[in-house]
PDB file of N, CA and C in Angstrom:
ATOM      1  N   MET A   1     -66.625 -45.937  17.335  1.00  0.00           N
ATOM      2  CA  MET A   1     -66.666 -47.299  16.889  1.00  0.00           C
ATOM      3  C   MET A   1     -67.791 -47.435  15.870  1.00  0.00           C
ATOM      4  N   ARG A   2     -67.483 -48.031  14.766  1.00  0.00           N
ATOM      5  CA  ARG A   2     -68.488 -48.256  13.732  1.00  0.00           C
ATOM      6  C   ARG A   2     -69.098 -49.626  13.910  1.00  0.00           C
ATOM      7  N   TRP A   3     -70.340 -49.732  13.510  1.00  0.00           N
ATOM      8  CA  TRP A   3     -71.015 -51.024  13.553  1.00  0.00           C
ATOM      9  C   TRP A   3     -71.789 -51.217  12.270  1.00  0.00           C
ATOM     10  N   CYS A   4     -71.951 -52.465  11.901  1.00  0.00           N
ATOM     11  CA  CYS A   4     -72.705 -52.827  10.704  1.00  0.00           C
ATOM     12  C   CYS A   4     -73.632 -53.984  11.050  1.00  0.00           C
ATOM     13  N   LEU A   5     -74.688 -54.107  10.276  1.00  0.00           N
ATOM     14  CA  LEU A   5     -75.599 -55.228  10.460  1.00  0.00           C
ATOM     15  C   LEU A   5     -76.173 -55.645   9.122  1.00  0.00           C
ATOM     16  N   LEU A   6     -76.585 -56.895   9.067  1.00  0.00           N
ATOM     17  CA  LEU A   6     -77.206 -57.436   7.862  1.00  0.00           C
ATOM     18  C   LEU A   6     -78.661 -57.715   8.176  1.00  0.00           C
ATOM     19  N   LEU A   7     -79.545 -57.065   7.444  1.00  0.00           N
ATOM     20  CA  LEU A   7     -80.979 -57.299   7.583  1.00  0.00           C
ATOM     21  C   LEU A   7     -81.346 -58.371   6.570  1.00  0.00           C
ATOM     22  N   SER A   8     -81.655 -59.553   7.055  1.00  0.00           N
ATOM     23  CA  SER A   8     -81.892 -60.666   6.145  1.00  0.00           C
ATOM     24  C   SER A   8     -83.097 -61.466   6.597  1.00  0.00           C
ATOM     25  N   PRO A   9     -84.007 -61.783   5.759  1.00  0.00           N
ATOM     26  CA  PRO A   9     -84.171 -61.193   4.425  1.00  0.00           C
ATOM     27  C   PRO A   9     -84.791 -59.806   4.560  1.00  0.00           C
ATOM     28  N   ALA A  10     -84.498 -58.955   3.646  1.00  0.00           N
ATOM     29  CA  ALA A  10     -85.065 -57.609   3.642  1.00  0.00           C
ATOM     30  C   ALA A  10     -85.140 -57.112   2.208  1.00  0.00           C
ATOM     31  N   PRO A  11     -86.197 -56.378   1.884  1.00  0.00           N
ATOM     32  CA  PRO A  11     -86.304 -55.824   0.531  1.00  0.00           C
ATOM     33  C   PRO A  11     -85.354 -54.639   0.365  1.00  0.00           C
ATOM     34  N   CYS A  12     -84.872 -54.436  -0.827  1.00  0.00           N
ATOM     35  CA  CYS A  12     -83.987 -53.306  -1.125  1.00  0.00           C
ATOM     36  C   CYS A  12     -84.843 -52.099  -1.483  1.00  0.00           C
ATOM     37  N   ARG A  13     -85.568 -51.591  -0.490  1.00  0.00           N
ATOM     38  CA  ARG A  13     -86.437 -50.426  -0.670  1.00  0.00           C
ATOM     39  C   ARG A  13     -86.198 -49.453   0.472  1.00  0.00           C
ATOM     40  N   TYR A  14     -86.224 -48.164   0.128  1.00  0.00           N
ATOM     41  CA  TYR A  14     -86.118 -47.135   1.157  1.00  0.00           C
ATOM     42  C   TYR A  14     -86.810 -45.878   0.647  1.00  0.00           C
ATOM     43  N   ALA A  15     -87.627 -45.278   1.484  1.00  0.00           N
ATOM     44  CA  ALA A  15     -88.342 -44.036   1.151  1.00  0.00           C
ATOM     45  C   ALA A  15     -89.098 -44.159  -0.170  1.00  0.00           C
ATOM     46  N   GLY A  16     -89.720 -45.316  -0.382  1.00  0.00           N
ATOM     47  CA  GLY A  16     -90.536 -45.513  -1.575  1.00  0.00           C
ATOM     48  C   GLY A  16     -89.764 -45.818  -2.842  1.00  0.00           C
ATOM     49  N   ARG A  17     -88.463 -45.981  -2.748  1.00  0.00           N
ATOM     50  CA  ARG A  17     -87.633 -46.239  -3.929  1.00  0.00           C
ATOM     51  C   ARG A  17     -87.023 -47.637  -3.842  1.00  0.00           C
ATOM     52  N   SER A  18     -86.941 -48.323  -4.968  1.00  0.00           N
ATOM     53  CA  SER A  18     -86.307 -49.643  -5.032  1.00  0.00           C
ATOM     54  C   SER A  18     -84.851 -49.497  -5.456  1.00  0.00           C
ATOM     55  N   PHE A  19     -83.989 -50.355  -4.910  1.00  0.00           N
ATOM     56  CA  PHE A  19     -82.560 -50.322  -5.216  1.00  0.00           C
ATOM     57  C   PHE A  19     -82.120 -51.676  -5.735  1.00  0.00           C
ATOM     58  N   GLY A  20     -81.170 -51.662  -6.662  1.00  0.00           N
ATOM     59  CA  GLY A  20     -80.634 -52.887  -7.235  1.00  0.00           C
ATOM     60  C   GLY A  20     -79.389 -53.350  -6.498  1.00  0.00           C
ATOM     61  N   LEU A  21     -78.940 -54.541  -6.826  1.00  0.00           N
ATOM     62  CA  LEU A  21     -77.757 -55.136  -6.215  1.00  0.00           C
ATOM     63  C   LEU A  21     -76.572 -54.164  -6.279  1.00  0.00           C
ATOM     64  N   GLY A  22     -75.965 -53.881  -5.130  1.00  0.00           N
ATOM     65  CA  GLY A  22     -74.800 -52.999  -5.058  1.00  0.00           C
ATOM     66  C   GLY A  22     -75.123 -51.529  -4.899  1.00  0.00           C
ATOM     67  N   GLU A  23     -76.385 -51.130  -5.077  1.00  0.00           N
ATOM     68  CA  GLU A  23     -76.751 -49.723  -4.909  1.00  0.00           C
ATOM     69  C   GLU A  23     -76.878 -49.394  -3.421  1.00  0.00           C
ATOM     70  N   SER A  24     -76.535 -48.145  -3.077  1.00  0.00           N
ATOM     71  CA  SER A  24     -76.539 -47.712  -1.679  1.00  0.00           C
ATOM     72  C   SER A  24     -77.401 -46.479  -1.487  1.00  0.00           C
ATOM     73  N   TRP A  25     -77.811 -46.243  -0.236  1.00  0.00           N
ATOM     74  CA  TRP A  25     -78.567 -45.046   0.139  1.00  0.00           C
ATOM     75  C   TRP A  25     -78.226 -44.693   1.576  1.00  0.00           C
ATOM     76  N   LEU A  26     -78.391 -43.410   1.917  1.00  0.00           N
ATOM     77  CA  LEU A  26     -78.166 -42.923   3.274  1.00  0.00           C
ATOM     78  C   LEU A  26     -79.516 -42.825   3.962  1.00  0.00           C
ATOM     79  N   ALA A  27     -79.713 -43.629   4.989  1.00  0.00           N
ATOM     80  CA  ALA A  27     -80.972 -43.632   5.732  1.00  0.00           C
ATOM     81  C   ALA A  27     -81.020 -42.428   6.673  1.00  0.00           C
ATOM     82  N   SER A  28     -82.210 -42.077   7.117  1.00  0.00           N
ATOM     83  CA  SER A  28     -82.389 -40.900   7.964  1.00  0.00           C
ATOM     84  C   SER A  28     -81.709 -41.039   9.323  1.00  0.00           C
ATOM     85  N   ASP A  29     -81.366 -42.258   9.735  1.00  0.00           N
ATOM     86  CA  ASP A  29     -80.676 -42.457  11.013  1.00  0.00           C
ATOM     87  C   ASP A  29     -79.155 -42.562  10.836  1.00  0.00           C
ATOM     88  N   CYS A  30     -78.648 -42.015   9.744  1.00  0.00           N
ATOM     89  CA  CYS A  30     -77.211 -41.938   9.454  1.00  0.00           C
ATOM     90  C   CYS A  30     -76.564 -43.300   9.246  1.00  0.00           C
ATOM     91  N   GLN A  31     -77.306 -44.227   8.692  1.00  0.00           N
ATOM     92  CA  GLN A  31     -76.746 -45.516   8.301  1.00  0.00           C
ATOM     93  C   GLN A  31     -76.625 -45.544   6.783  1.00  0.00           C
ATOM     94  N   LEU A  32     -75.477 -45.993   6.306  1.00  0.00           N
ATOM     95  CA  LEU A  32     -75.279 -46.188   4.881  1.00  0.00           C
ATOM     96  C   LEU A  32     -75.665 -47.630   4.590  1.00  0.00           C
ATOM     97  N   CYS A  33     -76.700 -47.805   3.780  1.00  0.00           N
ATOM     98  CA  CYS A  33     -77.230 -49.138   3.491  1.00  0.00           C
ATOM     99  C   CYS A  33     -76.942 -49.514   2.040  1.00  0.00           C
ATOM    100  N   THR A  34     -76.681 -50.796   1.817  1.00  0.00           N
ATOM    101  CA  THR A  34     -76.379 -51.320   0.492  1.00  0.00           C
ATOM    102  C   THR A  34     -77.242 -52.535   0.216  1.00  0.00           C
ATOM    103  N   CYS A  35     -77.805 -52.581  -0.995  1.00  0.00           N
ATOM    104  CA  CYS A  35     -78.616 -53.723  -1.401  1.00  0.00           C
ATOM    105  C   CYS A  35     -77.697 -54.907  -1.678  1.00  0.00           C
ATOM    106  N   LEU A  36     -77.954 -56.019  -0.993  1.00  0.00           N
ATOM    107  CA  LEU A  36     -77.158 -57.239  -1.162  1.00  0.00           C
ATOM    108  C   LEU A  36     -78.038 -58.375  -1.664  1.00  0.00           C
ATOM    109  N   HIS A  37     -79.007 -58.024  -2.499  1.00  0.00           N
ATOM    110  CA  HIS A  37     -79.985 -58.988  -3.017  1.00  0.00           C
ATOM    111  C   HIS A  37     -79.273 -60.201  -3.608  1.00  0.00           C
ATOM    112  N   PRO A  38     -79.643 -61.395  -3.295  1.00  0.00           N
ATOM    113  CA  PRO A  38     -80.850 -61.835  -2.586  1.00  0.00           C
ATOM    114  C   PRO A  38     -80.653 -62.021  -1.077  1.00  0.00           C
ATOM    115  N   LEU A  39     -79.480 -61.673  -0.542  1.00  0.00           N
ATOM    116  CA  LEU A  39     -79.230 -61.884   0.887  1.00  0.00           C
ATOM    117  C   LEU A  39     -80.029 -60.946   1.780  1.00  0.00           C
ATOM    118  N   GLY A  40     -80.195 -59.706   1.359  1.00  0.00           N
ATOM    119  CA  GLY A  40     -80.891 -58.714   2.174  1.00  0.00           C
ATOM    120  C   GLY A  40     -80.258 -57.348   1.999  1.00  0.00           C
ATOM    121  N   VAL A  41     -80.192 -56.591   3.093  1.00  0.00           N
ATOM    122  CA  VAL A  41     -79.646 -55.240   3.082  1.00  0.00           C
ATOM    123  C   VAL A  41     -78.584 -55.141   4.173  1.00  0.00           C
ATOM    124  N   GLY A  42     -77.416 -54.615   3.821  1.00  0.00           N
ATOM    125  CA  GLY A  42     -76.356 -54.373   4.797  1.00  0.00           C
ATOM    126  C   GLY A  42     -76.299 -52.894   5.117  1.00  0.00           C
ATOM    127  N   CYS A  43     -76.301 -52.553   6.408  1.00  0.00           N
ATOM    128  CA  CYS A  43     -76.265 -51.152   6.837  1.00  0.00           C
ATOM    129  C   CYS A  43     -75.135 -50.941   7.836  1.00  0.00           C
ATOM    130  N   CYS A  44     -74.426 -49.816   7.694  1.00  0.00           N
ATOM    131  CA  CYS A  44     -73.338 -49.457   8.606  1.00  0.00           C
ATOM    132  C   CYS A  44     -73.533 -48.032   9.101  1.00  0.00           C
ATOM    133  N   ASP A  45     -73.263 -47.824  10.377  1.00  0.00           N
ATOM    134  CA  ASP A  45     -73.285 -46.487  10.965  1.00  0.00           C
ATOM    135  C   ASP A  45     -72.108 -45.708  10.381  1.00  0.00           C
ATOM    136  N   ILE A  46     -72.349 -44.490   9.886  1.00  0.00           N
ATOM    137  CA  ILE A  46     -71.264 -43.709   9.283  1.00  0.00           C
ATOM    138  C   ILE A  46     -70.782 -42.584  10.190  1.00  0.00           C
ATOM    139  N   THR A  47     -71.373 -42.447  11.373  1.00  0.00           N
ATOM    140  CA  THR A  47     -71.008 -41.367  12.276  1.00  0.00           C
ATOM    141  C   THR A  47     -69.676 -41.672  12.949  1.00  0.00           C
ATOM    142  N   GLN A  48     -68.766 -40.700  12.935  1.00  0.00           N
ATOM    143  CA  GLN A  48     -67.484 -40.851  13.621  1.00  0.00           C
ATOM    144  C   GLN A  48     -67.643 -40.328  15.043  1.00  0.00           C
ATOM    145  N   HIS A  49     -67.409 -41.185  16.018  1.00  0.00           N
ATOM    146  CA  HIS A  49     -67.618 -40.841  17.419  1.00  0.00           C
ATOM    147  C   HIS A  49     -66.289 -40.467  18.080  1.00  0.00           C
ATOM    148  N   PRO A  50     -66.161 -39.225  18.585  1.00  0.00           N
ATOM    149  CA  PRO A  50     -64.930 -38.841  19.281  1.00  0.00           C
ATOM    150  C   PRO A  50     -64.821 -39.604  20.604  1.00  0.00           C
ATOM    151  N   ILE A  51     -63.612 -40.012  20.965  1.00  0.00           N
ATOM    152  CA  ILE A  51     -63.459 -40.798  22.185  1.00  0.00           C
ATOM    153  C   ILE A  51     -62.507 -40.176  23.198  1.00  0.00           C
ATOM    154  N   ASP A  52     -61.693 -39.213  22.810  1.00  0.00           N
ATOM    155  CA  ASP A  52     -60.702 -38.667  23.726  1.00  0.00           C
ATOM    156  C   ASP A  52     -60.693 -37.151  23.612  1.00  0.00           C
ATOM    157  N   PHE A  53     -61.305 -36.488  24.599  1.00  0.00           N
ATOM    158  CA  PHE A  53     -61.317 -35.033  24.624  1.00  0.00           C
ATOM    159  C   PHE A  53     -61.379 -34.575  26.076  1.00  0.00           C
ATOM    160  N   PRO A  54     -60.996 -33.315  26.355  1.00  0.00           N
ATOM    161  CA  PRO A  54     -60.946 -32.831  27.737  1.00  0.00           C
ATOM    162  C   PRO A  54     -62.319 -32.836  28.417  1.00  0.00           C
ATOM    163  N   SER A  55     -62.300 -32.857  29.744  1.00  0.00           N
ATOM    164  CA  SER A  55     -63.547 -32.903  30.518  1.00  0.00           C
ATOM    165  C   SER A  55     -64.370 -31.628  30.372  1.00  0.00           C
ATOM    166  N   TRP A  56     -63.748 -30.529  29.953  1.00  0.00           N
ATOM    167  CA  TRP A  56     -64.491 -29.283  29.789  1.00  0.00           C
ATOM    168  C   TRP A  56     -65.142 -29.186  28.406  1.00  0.00           C
ATOM    169  N   CYS A  57     -65.071 -30.271  27.656  1.00  0.00           N
ATOM    170  CA  CYS A  57     -65.708 -30.343  26.340  1.00  0.00           C
ATOM    171  C   CYS A  57     -66.781 -31.433  26.359  1.00  0.00           C
ATOM    172  N   GLU A  58     -67.675 -31.379  25.382  1.00  0.00           N
ATOM    173  CA  GLU A  58     -68.691 -32.417  25.247  1.00  0.00           C
ATOM    174  C   GLU A  58     -68.983 -32.647  23.771  1.00  0.00           C
ATOM    175  N   ALA A  59     -69.445 -33.855  23.466  1.00  0.00           N
ATOM    176  CA  ALA A  59     -69.790 -34.207  22.089  1.00  0.00           C
ATOM    177  C   ALA A  59     -71.246 -33.845  21.833  1.00  0.00           C
ATOM    178  N   ARG A  60     -71.507 -33.206  20.703  1.00  0.00           N
ATOM    179  CA  ARG A  60     -72.869 -32.832  20.301  1.00  0.00           C
ATOM    180  C   ARG A  60     -73.163 -33.457  18.940  1.00  0.00           C
ATOM    181  N   TYR A  61     -74.295 -34.139  18.849  1.00  0.00           N
ATOM    182  CA  TYR A  61     -74.686 -34.836  17.627  1.00  0.00           C
ATOM    183  C   TYR A  61     -75.653 -33.978  16.821  1.00  0.00           C
ATOM    184  N   ASP A  62     -75.408 -33.846  15.518  1.00  0.00           N
ATOM    185  CA  ASP A  62     -76.298 -33.116  14.615  1.00  0.00           C
ATOM    186  C   ASP A  62     -76.930 -34.124  13.656  1.00  0.00           C
ATOM    187  N   PRO A  63     -78.210 -34.471  13.877  1.00  0.00           N
ATOM    188  CA  PRO A  63     -78.849 -35.472  13.023  1.00  0.00           C
ATOM    189  C   PRO A  63     -79.042 -35.006  11.580  1.00  0.00           C
ATOM    190  N   GLN A  64     -78.975 -33.708  11.326  1.00  0.00           N
ATOM    191  CA  GLN A  64     -79.119 -33.201   9.959  1.00  0.00           C
ATOM    192  C   GLN A  64     -77.896 -33.525   9.105  1.00  0.00           C
ATOM    193  N   THR A  65     -76.706 -33.522   9.739  1.00  0.00           N
ATOM    194  CA  THR A  65     -75.466 -33.747   8.993  1.00  0.00           C
ATOM    195  C   THR A  65     -74.817 -35.096   9.299  1.00  0.00           C
ATOM    196  N   CYS A  66     -75.364 -35.837  10.260  1.00  0.00           N
ATOM    197  CA  CYS A  66     -74.791 -37.120  10.704  1.00  0.00           C
ATOM    198  C   CYS A  66     -73.392 -36.923  11.273  1.00  0.00           C
ATOM    199  N   GLN A  67     -73.102 -35.761  11.845  1.00  0.00           N
ATOM    200  CA  GLN A  67     -71.781 -35.484  12.388  1.00  0.00           C
ATOM    201  C   GLN A  67     -71.863 -35.190  13.878  1.00  0.00           C
ATOM    202  N   ILE A  68     -70.781 -35.520  14.564  1.00  0.00           N
ATOM    203  CA  ILE A  68     -70.640 -35.199  15.977  1.00  0.00           C
ATOM    204  C   ILE A  68     -69.508 -34.195  16.090  1.00  0.00           C
ATOM    205  N   SER A  69     -69.755 -33.092  16.775  1.00  0.00           N
ATOM    206  CA  SER A  69     -68.703 -32.106  16.990  1.00  0.00           C
ATOM    207  C   SER A  69     -68.412 -32.027  18.483  1.00  0.00           C
ATOM    208  N   VAL A  70     -67.185 -31.666  18.815  1.00  0.00           N
ATOM    209  CA  VAL A  70     -66.782 -31.514  20.206  1.00  0.00           C
ATOM    210  C   VAL A  70     -66.736 -30.023  20.493  1.00  0.00           C
ATOM    211  N   VAL A  71     -67.545 -29.596  21.474  1.00  0.00           N
ATOM    212  CA  VAL A  71     -67.686 -28.176  21.793  1.00  0.00           C
ATOM    213  C   VAL A  71     -67.401 -27.941  23.273  1.00  0.00           C
ATOM    214  N   GLN A  72     -67.178 -26.674  23.616  1.00  0.00           N
ATOM    215  CA  GLN A  72     -66.939 -26.312  25.005  1.00  0.00           C
ATOM    216  C   GLN A  72     -68.253 -26.339  25.776  1.00  0.00           C
ATOM    217  N   LYS A  73     -68.250 -26.966  26.948  1.00  0.00           N
ATOM    218  CA  LYS A  73     -69.461 -27.041  27.767  1.00  0.00           C
ATOM    219  C   LYS A  73     -69.938 -25.649  28.175  1.00  0.00           C
ATOM    220  N   ALA A  74     -68.992 -24.750  28.509  1.00  0.00           N
ATOM    221  CA  ALA A  74     -69.350 -23.409  28.965  1.00  0.00           C
ATOM    222  C   ALA A  74     -70.007 -22.586  27.871  1.00  0.00           C
ATOM    223  N   ASN A  75     -69.632 -22.856  26.615  1.00  0.00           N
ATOM    224  CA  ASN A  75     -70.211 -22.137  25.486  1.00  0.00           C
ATOM    225  C   ASN A  75     -70.221 -23.074  24.281  1.00  0.00           C
ATOM    226  N   PRO A  76     -71.334 -23.789  24.065  1.00  0.00           N
ATOM    227  CA  PRO A  76     -71.410 -24.759  22.974  1.00  0.00           C
ATOM    228  C   PRO A  76     -71.241 -24.170  21.575  1.00  0.00           C
ATOM    229  N   GLU A  77     -71.211 -22.847  21.464  1.00  0.00           N
ATOM    230  CA  GLU A  77     -70.953 -22.217  20.169  1.00  0.00           C
ATOM    231  C   GLU A  77     -69.471 -22.301  19.803  1.00  0.00           C
ATOM    232  N   LEU A  78     -68.618 -22.578  20.797  1.00  0.00           N
ATOM    233  CA  LEU A  78     -67.175 -22.625  20.564  1.00  0.00           C
ATOM    234  C   LEU A  78     -66.695 -24.069  20.501  1.00  0.00           C
ATOM    235  N   PRO A  79     -65.942 -24.415  19.457  1.00  0.00           N
ATOM    236  CA  PRO A  79     -65.445 -25.790  19.341  1.00  0.00           C
ATOM    237  C   PRO A  79     -64.268 -26.040  20.278  1.00  0.00           C
ATOM    238  N   CYS A  80     -64.066 -27.281  20.630  1.00  0.00           N
ATOM    239  CA  CYS A  80     -62.830 -27.716  21.280  1.00  0.00           C
ATOM    240  C   CYS A  80     -61.929 -28.164  20.142  1.00  0.00           C
ATOM    241  N   VAL A  81     -60.758 -27.582  20.060  1.00  0.00           N
ATOM    242  CA  VAL A  81     -59.878 -27.835  18.922  1.00  0.00           C
ATOM    243  C   VAL A  81     -58.611 -28.531  19.395  1.00  0.00           C
ATOM    244  N   HIS A  82     -58.307 -29.671  18.779  1.00  0.00           N
ATOM    245  CA  HIS A  82     -57.062 -30.381  19.056  1.00  0.00           C
ATOM    246  C   HIS A  82     -56.031 -29.889  18.062  1.00  0.00           C
ATOM    247  N   ARG A  83     -55.007 -29.248  18.578  1.00  0.00           N
ATOM    248  CA  ARG A  83     -53.995 -28.649  17.712  1.00  0.00           C
ATOM    249  C   ARG A  83     -52.968 -29.683  17.250  1.00  0.00           C
ATOM    250  N   SER A  84     -52.266 -29.349  16.189  1.00  0.00           N
ATOM    251  CA  SER A  84     -51.243 -30.259  15.666  1.00  0.00           C
ATOM    252  C   SER A  84     -50.115 -30.474  16.673  1.00  0.00           C
ATOM    253  N   SER A  85     -49.977 -29.548  17.632  1.00  0.00           N
ATOM    254  CA  SER A  85     -48.942 -29.694  18.664  1.00  0.00           C
ATOM    255  C   SER A  85     -49.325 -30.744  19.700  1.00  0.00           C
ATOM    256  N   GLY A  86     -50.563 -31.251  19.609  1.00  0.00           N
ATOM    257  CA  GLY A  86     -51.019 -32.255  20.559  1.00  0.00           C
ATOM    258  C   GLY A  86     -51.749 -31.675  21.751  1.00  0.00           C
ATOM    259  N   THR A  87     -51.933 -30.345  21.759  1.00  0.00           N
ATOM    260  CA  THR A  87     -52.640 -29.700  22.869  1.00  0.00           C
ATOM    261  C   THR A  87     -54.046 -29.304  22.433  1.00  0.00           C
ATOM    262  N   TRP A  88     -54.884 -29.045  23.412  1.00  0.00           N
ATOM    263  CA  TRP A  88     -56.252 -28.584  23.150  1.00  0.00           C
ATOM    264  C   TRP A  88     -56.329 -27.094  23.420  1.00  0.00           C
ATOM    265  N   ASN A  89     -57.213 -26.406  22.684  1.00  0.00           N
ATOM    266  CA  ASN A  89     -57.465 -25.014  23.012  1.00  0.00           C
ATOM    267  C   ASN A  89     -58.051 -24.970  24.422  1.00  0.00           C
ATOM    268  N   ARG A  90     -58.011 -23.826  25.057  1.00  0.00           N
ATOM    269  CA  ARG A  90     -58.502 -23.718  26.437  1.00  0.00           C
ATOM    270  C   ARG A  90     -59.912 -23.138  26.456  1.00  0.00           C
ATOM    271  N   PRO A  91     -60.686 -23.520  27.481  1.00  0.00           N
ATOM    272  CA  PRO A  91     -62.018 -22.926  27.587  1.00  0.00           C
ATOM    273  C   PRO A  91     -61.895 -21.457  27.957  1.00  0.00           C
ATOM    274  N   LEU A  92     -62.819 -20.664  27.473  1.00  0.00           N
ATOM    275  CA  LEU A  92     -62.818 -19.255  27.838  1.00  0.00           C
ATOM    276  C   LEU A  92     -63.308 -19.115  29.271  1.00  0.00           C
ATOM    277  N   PRO A  93     -62.643 -18.272  30.069  1.00  0.00           N
ATOM    278  CA  PRO A  93     -63.073 -18.092  31.454  1.00  0.00           C
ATOM    279  C   PRO A  93     -64.386 -17.320  31.524  1.00  0.00           C
ATOM    280  N   LEU A  94     -65.123 -17.549  32.597  1.00  0.00           N
ATOM    281  CA  LEU A  94     -66.385 -16.857  32.824  1.00  0.00           C
ATOM    282  C   LEU A  94     -66.198 -15.800  33.894  1.00  0.00           C
ATOM    283  N   HIS A  95     -66.907 -14.660  33.767  1.00  0.00           N
ATOM    284  CA  HIS A  95     -66.945 -13.671  34.838  1.00  0.00           C
ATOM    285  C   HIS A  95     -67.585 -14.329  36.047  1.00  0.00           C
ATOM    286  N   HIS A  96     -66.946 -14.207  37.206  1.00  0.00           N
ATOM    287  CA  HIS A  96     -67.497 -14.852  38.392  1.00  0.00           C
ATOM    288  C   HIS A  96     -68.808 -14.215  38.847  1.00  0.00           C
ATOM    289  N   ASP A  97     -69.027 -12.933  38.513  1.00  0.00           N
ATOM    290  CA  ASP A  97     -70.248 -12.269  38.980  1.00  0.00           C
ATOM    291  C   ASP A  97     -71.394 -12.330  37.966  1.00  0.00           C
ATOM    292  N   THR A  98     -71.095 -12.373  36.670  1.00  0.00           N
ATOM    293  CA  THR A  98     -72.163 -12.364  35.658  1.00  0.00           C
ATOM    294  C   THR A  98     -72.342 -13.708  34.967  1.00  0.00           C
ATOM    295  N   GLY A  99     -71.316 -14.554  35.007  1.00  0.00           N
ATOM    296  CA  GLY A  99     -71.393 -15.835  34.310  1.00  0.00           C
ATOM    297  C   GLY A  99     -71.170 -15.710  32.813  1.00  0.00           C
ATOM    298  N   GLU A 100     -70.871 -14.485  32.320  1.00  0.00           N
ATOM    299  CA  GLU A 100     -70.630 -14.277  30.895  1.00  0.00           C
ATOM    300  C   GLU A 100     -69.167 -14.555  30.561  1.00  0.00           C
ATOM    301  N   LEU A 101     -68.924 -14.887  29.302  1.00  0.00           N
ATOM    302  CA  LEU A 101     -67.557 -15.158  28.860  1.00  0.00           C
ATOM    303  C   LEU A 101     -66.740 -13.879  28.822  1.00  0.00           C
ATOM    304  N   TRP A 102     -65.466 -13.987  29.228  1.00  0.00           N
ATOM    305  CA  TRP A 102     -64.552 -12.862  29.095  1.00  0.00           C
ATOM    306  C   TRP A 102     -64.178 -12.688  27.646  1.00  0.00           C
ATOM    307  N   ASP A 103     -63.936 -11.465  27.256  1.00  0.00           N
ATOM    308  CA  ASP A 103     -63.351 -11.181  25.954  1.00  0.00           C
ATOM    309  C   ASP A 103     -61.853 -11.419  26.119  1.00  0.00           C
ATOM    310  N   THR A 104     -61.305 -12.404  25.440  1.00  0.00           N
ATOM    311  CA  THR A 104     -59.902 -12.761  25.643  1.00  0.00           C
ATOM    312  C   THR A 104     -58.940 -11.685  25.150  1.00  0.00           C
ATOM    313  N   GLU A 105     -59.438 -10.706  24.409  1.00  0.00           N
ATOM    314  CA  GLU A 105     -58.588  -9.605  23.958  1.00  0.00           C
ATOM    315  C   GLU A 105     -58.462  -8.537  25.034  1.00  0.00           C
ATOM    316  N   GLN A 106     -59.279  -8.611  26.075  1.00  0.00           N
ATOM    317  CA  GLN A 106     -59.244  -7.624  27.149  1.00  0.00           C
ATOM    318  C   GLN A 106     -58.798  -8.301  28.432  1.00  0.00           C
ATOM    319  N   ALA A 107     -58.308  -7.494  29.347  1.00  0.00           N
ATOM    320  CA  ALA A 107     -57.919  -8.027  30.650  1.00  0.00           C
ATOM    321  C   ALA A 107     -59.173  -8.407  31.427  1.00  0.00           C
ATOM    322  N   PRO A 108     -59.085  -9.436  32.269  1.00  0.00           N
ATOM    323  CA  PRO A 108     -60.245  -9.793  33.079  1.00  0.00           C
ATOM    324  C   PRO A 108     -60.586  -8.667  34.045  1.00  0.00           C
ATOM    325  N   PRO A 109     -61.846  -8.575  34.455  1.00  0.00           N
ATOM    326  CA  PRO A 109     -62.218  -7.497  35.371  1.00  0.00           C
ATOM    327  C   PRO A 109     -61.474  -7.650  36.688  1.00  0.00           C
ATOM    328  N   SER A 110     -61.100  -6.519  37.268  1.00  0.00           N
ATOM    329  CA  SER A 110     -60.372  -6.569  38.536  1.00  0.00           C
ATOM    330  C   SER A 110     -61.348  -6.800  39.677  1.00  0.00           C
ATOM    331  N   ALA A 111     -60.871  -7.515  40.678  1.00  0.00           N
ATOM    332  CA  ALA A 111     -61.718  -7.764  41.852  1.00  0.00           C
ATOM    333  C   ALA A 111     -61.775  -6.481  42.657  1.00  0.00           C
ATOM    334  N   GLY A 112     -62.954  -6.091  43.069  1.00  0.00           N
ATOM    335  CA  GLY A 112     -63.086  -4.814  43.745  1.00  0.00           C
ATOM    336  C   GLY A 112     -63.363  -4.994  45.117  1.00  0.00           C
TER     337      GLY A 112
END
């Protein structure tokens, strides 16, 4: 869900720079702000928030890119991918004894 707010009255300044009517800047908190002089400054959150994903996935926010990615809880290096068929990729299984991810190209270890 996106939200916007109007800062009124507010100067059209950010990071030591002045902005004219209609000029915009990206603030460090991922808000896109626009100078609406003489009314003030209008700012909107530009981050797209995922709302529907499997329970074995979680949303991770990257403040450097203003993006949220959905990753597997068991291994946050792996994304959760929603396929065009409407299905989600599956989480990789973990070895019950080591807790490490199985190599999906190999058969799982046999129970001994």
